[in-house]
N, C-alpha and C. Protein backbone atom coordinates (compact mmCIF):
# COMPACT_ATOMS: atom_id res chain seq x y z
N MET A 1 36.93 -3.52 13.41
CA MET A 1 35.88 -2.71 12.87
C MET A 1 34.61 -3.56 12.79
N THR A 2 33.49 -3.03 13.33
CA THR A 2 32.22 -3.76 13.27
C THR A 2 31.43 -3.26 12.06
N GLN A 3 30.79 -4.19 11.43
CA GLN A 3 30.01 -3.85 10.25
C GLN A 3 28.55 -3.82 10.65
N THR A 4 27.86 -2.72 10.34
CA THR A 4 26.44 -2.61 10.65
C THR A 4 25.65 -3.30 9.55
N PRO A 5 24.59 -4.02 9.93
CA PRO A 5 23.81 -4.71 8.91
C PRO A 5 23.07 -3.71 8.03
N SER A 6 22.90 -4.07 6.77
CA SER A 6 22.15 -3.20 5.87
C SER A 6 20.69 -3.21 6.29
N PRO A 7 19.92 -2.17 5.93
CA PRO A 7 18.51 -2.12 6.32
C PRO A 7 17.72 -3.32 5.82
N ASP A 8 18.09 -3.86 4.65
CA ASP A 8 17.37 -5.01 4.11
C ASP A 8 17.63 -6.28 4.91
N LYS A 9 18.69 -6.33 5.68
CA LYS A 9 19.05 -7.53 6.41
C LYS A 9 18.87 -7.38 7.93
N ALA A 10 18.28 -6.28 8.38
CA ALA A 10 18.09 -6.08 9.81
C ALA A 10 17.21 -7.19 10.38
N ARG A 11 17.53 -7.65 11.56
CA ARG A 11 16.77 -8.73 12.18
C ARG A 11 15.62 -8.16 13.00
N THR A 12 14.49 -8.85 12.96
CA THR A 12 13.37 -8.47 13.81
C THR A 12 13.52 -9.20 15.13
N ALA A 13 12.76 -8.76 16.12
CA ALA A 13 12.84 -9.36 17.46
C ALA A 13 12.37 -10.81 17.44
N ASP A 14 11.43 -11.15 16.56
CA ASP A 14 10.90 -12.51 16.57
C ASP A 14 11.51 -13.43 15.53
N GLY A 15 12.64 -13.12 14.97
CA GLY A 15 13.31 -14.11 14.16
C GLY A 15 13.80 -13.70 12.79
N PRO A 16 12.96 -13.89 11.75
CA PRO A 16 13.47 -13.77 10.39
C PRO A 16 13.93 -12.36 10.06
N PRO A 17 14.79 -12.23 9.06
CA PRO A 17 15.28 -10.90 8.69
C PRO A 17 14.16 -10.02 8.20
N LEU A 18 14.25 -8.75 8.51
CA LEU A 18 13.29 -7.76 8.06
C LEU A 18 13.73 -7.27 6.68
N ARG A 19 12.89 -7.45 5.69
CA ARG A 19 13.19 -6.96 4.34
C ARG A 19 12.40 -5.69 4.12
N THR A 20 13.08 -4.66 3.71
CA THR A 20 12.42 -3.38 3.48
C THR A 20 12.48 -3.03 2.01
N ILE A 21 11.51 -2.19 1.61
CA ILE A 21 11.46 -1.71 0.23
C ILE A 21 11.29 -0.20 0.25
N ARG A 22 11.84 0.43 -0.76
CA ARG A 22 11.70 1.88 -0.90
C ARG A 22 10.53 2.18 -1.81
N ARG A 23 10.24 3.45 -1.98
CA ARG A 23 9.07 3.91 -2.72
C ARG A 23 9.00 3.33 -4.14
N ALA A 24 10.09 3.36 -4.89
CA ALA A 24 10.08 2.86 -6.27
C ALA A 24 9.73 1.37 -6.31
N GLN A 25 10.27 0.60 -5.37
CA GLN A 25 9.96 -0.83 -5.31
C GLN A 25 8.51 -1.05 -4.90
N LEU A 26 8.02 -0.22 -3.99
CA LEU A 26 6.62 -0.32 -3.55
C LEU A 26 5.68 -0.10 -4.73
N HIS A 27 6.00 0.88 -5.58
CA HIS A 27 5.14 1.18 -6.73
C HIS A 27 5.13 0.05 -7.75
N LYS A 28 6.17 -0.74 -7.81
CA LYS A 28 6.17 -1.90 -8.71
C LYS A 28 5.24 -3.00 -8.18
N ILE A 29 5.08 -3.06 -6.86
CA ILE A 29 4.24 -4.07 -6.23
C ILE A 29 2.80 -3.59 -6.10
N VAL A 30 2.63 -2.34 -5.68
CA VAL A 30 1.31 -1.76 -5.43
C VAL A 30 1.17 -0.53 -6.32
N PRO A 31 0.44 -0.63 -7.43
CA PRO A 31 0.36 0.49 -8.38
C PRO A 31 -0.66 1.54 -7.95
N LEU A 32 -0.41 2.17 -6.82
CA LEU A 32 -1.27 3.24 -6.34
C LEU A 32 -0.46 4.53 -6.30
N ALA A 33 -1.14 5.66 -6.41
CA ALA A 33 -0.47 6.96 -6.33
C ALA A 33 0.04 7.19 -4.91
N ASP A 34 1.08 8.01 -4.80
CA ASP A 34 1.64 8.34 -3.49
C ASP A 34 0.57 8.87 -2.54
N THR A 35 -0.26 9.79 -3.03
CA THR A 35 -1.27 10.39 -2.16
C THR A 35 -2.28 9.34 -1.68
N THR A 36 -2.62 8.39 -2.53
CA THR A 36 -3.54 7.33 -2.13
C THR A 36 -2.90 6.47 -1.04
N ILE A 37 -1.64 6.12 -1.20
CA ILE A 37 -0.94 5.33 -0.20
C ILE A 37 -0.87 6.08 1.12
N TYR A 38 -0.51 7.36 1.07
CA TYR A 38 -0.40 8.15 2.29
C TYR A 38 -1.74 8.29 3.00
N GLU A 39 -2.81 8.51 2.26
CA GLU A 39 -4.14 8.60 2.86
C GLU A 39 -4.54 7.27 3.50
N MET A 40 -4.27 6.16 2.81
CA MET A 40 -4.60 4.85 3.36
C MET A 40 -3.77 4.57 4.61
N GLU A 41 -2.51 4.97 4.62
CA GLU A 41 -1.68 4.83 5.82
C GLU A 41 -2.28 5.61 6.98
N ARG A 42 -2.68 6.84 6.70
CA ARG A 42 -3.24 7.71 7.74
C ARG A 42 -4.50 7.10 8.35
N ARG A 43 -5.31 6.45 7.50
CA ARG A 43 -6.55 5.82 7.99
C ARG A 43 -6.31 4.44 8.58
N GLY A 44 -5.07 3.94 8.50
CA GLY A 44 -4.76 2.62 9.03
C GLY A 44 -5.13 1.48 8.10
N GLU A 45 -5.30 1.77 6.81
CA GLU A 45 -5.70 0.76 5.83
C GLU A 45 -4.53 0.21 5.02
N PHE A 46 -3.32 0.69 5.28
CA PHE A 46 -2.14 0.27 4.53
C PHE A 46 -0.97 0.24 5.50
N PRO A 47 -0.01 -0.67 5.32
CA PRO A 47 1.15 -0.72 6.22
C PRO A 47 1.86 0.63 6.28
N ARG A 48 2.24 1.04 7.47
CA ARG A 48 2.91 2.33 7.66
C ARG A 48 4.38 2.25 7.29
N ARG A 49 4.84 3.31 6.66
CA ARG A 49 6.26 3.42 6.35
C ARG A 49 7.00 3.85 7.62
N PHE A 50 8.30 3.67 7.62
CA PHE A 50 9.10 4.18 8.74
C PHE A 50 10.39 4.75 8.19
N ALA A 51 10.97 5.65 8.93
CA ALA A 51 12.16 6.37 8.47
C ALA A 51 13.43 5.62 8.86
N LEU A 52 14.29 5.40 7.89
CA LEU A 52 15.62 4.88 8.17
C LEU A 52 16.57 6.02 8.51
N THR A 53 16.42 7.10 7.76
CA THR A 53 17.18 8.33 8.00
C THR A 53 16.20 9.48 7.87
N ARG A 54 16.70 10.69 7.98
CA ARG A 54 15.82 11.84 7.85
C ARG A 54 15.23 11.96 6.45
N ARG A 55 15.90 11.38 5.45
CA ARG A 55 15.44 11.52 4.07
C ARG A 55 15.09 10.21 3.39
N CYS A 56 15.03 9.13 4.12
CA CYS A 56 14.77 7.82 3.51
C CYS A 56 13.69 7.08 4.31
N VAL A 57 12.57 6.82 3.64
CA VAL A 57 11.52 6.03 4.27
C VAL A 57 11.39 4.70 3.55
N VAL A 58 10.99 3.67 4.29
CA VAL A 58 10.84 2.33 3.73
C VAL A 58 9.58 1.68 4.30
N TRP A 59 9.15 0.62 3.62
CA TRP A 59 8.03 -0.20 4.08
C TRP A 59 8.55 -1.60 4.34
N ASP A 60 7.95 -2.29 5.28
CA ASP A 60 8.28 -3.68 5.57
C ASP A 60 7.64 -4.53 4.47
N LEU A 61 8.45 -5.25 3.72
CA LEU A 61 7.96 -6.05 2.60
C LEU A 61 6.94 -7.09 3.05
N ALA A 62 7.19 -7.73 4.18
CA ALA A 62 6.26 -8.76 4.67
C ALA A 62 4.88 -8.16 4.98
N GLU A 63 4.85 -6.95 5.54
CA GLU A 63 3.57 -6.29 5.82
C GLU A 63 2.84 -5.95 4.54
N VAL A 64 3.56 -5.48 3.53
CA VAL A 64 2.94 -5.15 2.24
C VAL A 64 2.39 -6.41 1.58
N GLU A 65 3.16 -7.50 1.61
CA GLU A 65 2.69 -8.75 1.02
C GLU A 65 1.48 -9.30 1.76
N THR A 66 1.45 -9.18 3.08
CA THR A 66 0.29 -9.61 3.87
C THR A 66 -0.93 -8.77 3.51
N TRP A 67 -0.74 -7.46 3.35
CA TRP A 67 -1.83 -6.57 2.96
C TRP A 67 -2.40 -6.97 1.60
N LEU A 68 -1.50 -7.25 0.64
CA LEU A 68 -1.95 -7.67 -0.69
C LEU A 68 -2.73 -8.98 -0.64
N ALA A 69 -2.25 -9.94 0.13
CA ALA A 69 -2.93 -11.23 0.25
C ALA A 69 -4.32 -11.05 0.86
N GLU A 70 -4.43 -10.16 1.84
CA GLU A 70 -5.73 -9.89 2.46
C GLU A 70 -6.68 -9.23 1.48
N ARG A 71 -6.18 -8.27 0.70
CA ARG A 71 -7.02 -7.62 -0.32
C ARG A 71 -7.50 -8.64 -1.36
N LYS A 72 -6.62 -9.54 -1.76
CA LYS A 72 -6.98 -10.56 -2.74
C LYS A 72 -8.05 -11.49 -2.16
N ARG A 73 -7.88 -11.88 -0.89
CA ARG A 73 -8.86 -12.75 -0.25
C ARG A 73 -10.23 -12.06 -0.19
N GLN A 74 -10.24 -10.78 0.19
CA GLN A 74 -11.50 -10.04 0.27
C GLN A 74 -12.15 -9.92 -1.10
N ALA A 75 -11.36 -9.71 -2.13
CA ALA A 75 -11.91 -9.59 -3.49
C ALA A 75 -12.53 -10.91 -3.93
N GLN A 76 -11.87 -12.03 -3.61
CA GLN A 76 -12.39 -13.33 -4.00
C GLN A 76 -13.67 -13.68 -3.24
N GLU A 77 -13.76 -13.23 -1.98
CA GLU A 77 -14.96 -13.51 -1.18
C GLU A 77 -16.08 -12.51 -1.47
N GLY A 78 -15.75 -11.41 -2.13
CA GLY A 78 -16.75 -10.39 -2.41
C GLY A 78 -17.03 -9.50 -1.21
N THR A 79 -16.14 -9.46 -0.24
CA THR A 79 -16.34 -8.65 0.96
C THR A 79 -15.55 -7.36 0.93
N GLN A 80 -14.89 -7.07 -0.19
CA GLN A 80 -14.07 -5.87 -0.29
C GLN A 80 -14.96 -4.65 -0.47
N GLU A 81 -14.71 -3.64 0.34
CA GLU A 81 -15.49 -2.41 0.26
C GLU A 81 -15.04 -1.63 -0.96
N ARG A 82 -15.99 -1.21 -1.77
CA ARG A 82 -15.67 -0.48 -3.00
C ARG A 82 -16.40 0.84 -3.00
N ALA A 83 -15.88 1.78 -3.76
CA ALA A 83 -16.53 3.08 -3.89
C ALA A 83 -17.81 2.92 -4.68
N PRO A 84 -18.83 3.72 -4.37
CA PRO A 84 -20.08 3.62 -5.14
C PRO A 84 -19.86 4.08 -6.57
N LEU A 85 -20.63 3.51 -7.48
CA LEU A 85 -20.56 3.92 -8.88
C LEU A 85 -21.13 5.33 -9.01
N PRO A 86 -20.58 6.13 -9.90
CA PRO A 86 -21.10 7.49 -10.07
C PRO A 86 -22.48 7.45 -10.73
N ASP A 87 -23.30 8.44 -10.40
CA ASP A 87 -24.62 8.54 -11.01
C ASP A 87 -24.46 9.30 -12.32
N VAL A 88 -24.54 8.59 -13.44
CA VAL A 88 -24.30 9.21 -14.75
C VAL A 88 -25.38 10.22 -15.11
N ARG A 89 -26.50 10.18 -14.44
CA ARG A 89 -27.57 11.15 -14.72
C ARG A 89 -27.18 12.55 -14.26
N ASP A 90 -26.19 12.67 -13.38
CA ASP A 90 -25.76 13.97 -12.88
C ASP A 90 -24.69 14.62 -13.75
N ARG A 91 -24.31 13.98 -14.86
CA ARG A 91 -23.26 14.54 -15.71
C ARG A 91 -23.70 15.86 -16.32
N LYS A 92 -22.78 16.79 -16.41
CA LYS A 92 -23.08 18.09 -17.00
C LYS A 92 -22.84 18.06 -18.51
N THR A 93 -21.87 17.25 -18.94
CA THR A 93 -21.60 17.11 -20.37
C THR A 93 -21.99 15.70 -20.78
N ARG A 94 -22.39 15.54 -22.01
CA ARG A 94 -22.81 14.25 -22.56
C ARG A 94 -23.81 13.55 -21.65
N PRO A 95 -24.95 14.19 -21.40
CA PRO A 95 -25.93 13.55 -20.53
C PRO A 95 -26.46 12.26 -21.16
N VAL A 96 -26.97 11.39 -20.33
CA VAL A 96 -27.53 10.13 -20.77
C VAL A 96 -28.89 10.40 -21.41
N ARG A 97 -29.08 9.82 -22.61
CA ARG A 97 -30.36 10.01 -23.31
C ARG A 97 -31.42 9.09 -22.74
N ASN A 98 -32.61 9.61 -22.59
CA ASN A 98 -33.74 8.77 -22.17
C ASN A 98 -34.27 8.03 -23.39
N ARG A 99 -34.48 6.75 -23.24
CA ARG A 99 -34.97 5.94 -24.37
C ARG A 99 -36.40 5.61 -24.20
């Protein structure tokens, strides 16, 4: 009887074992909402998940760690693209008082 390797121990073509993580483990590492992760994947800004079975998707842990390291480097260099701050003068409730 041959034993199939578990998904966490599958070997990649270039050497070291491929370690995969499921959604719950991903959320412990990257505290983003599912929709945010999916949108970033679609735009190519986050490592893509892949299906192990029809009902199980996983992410490559090494790719996620590389993505985190790159985000940290960009934040330290000040080159990380950020959303613009909202214009508080456009608020409908609790408008800003002119002094």
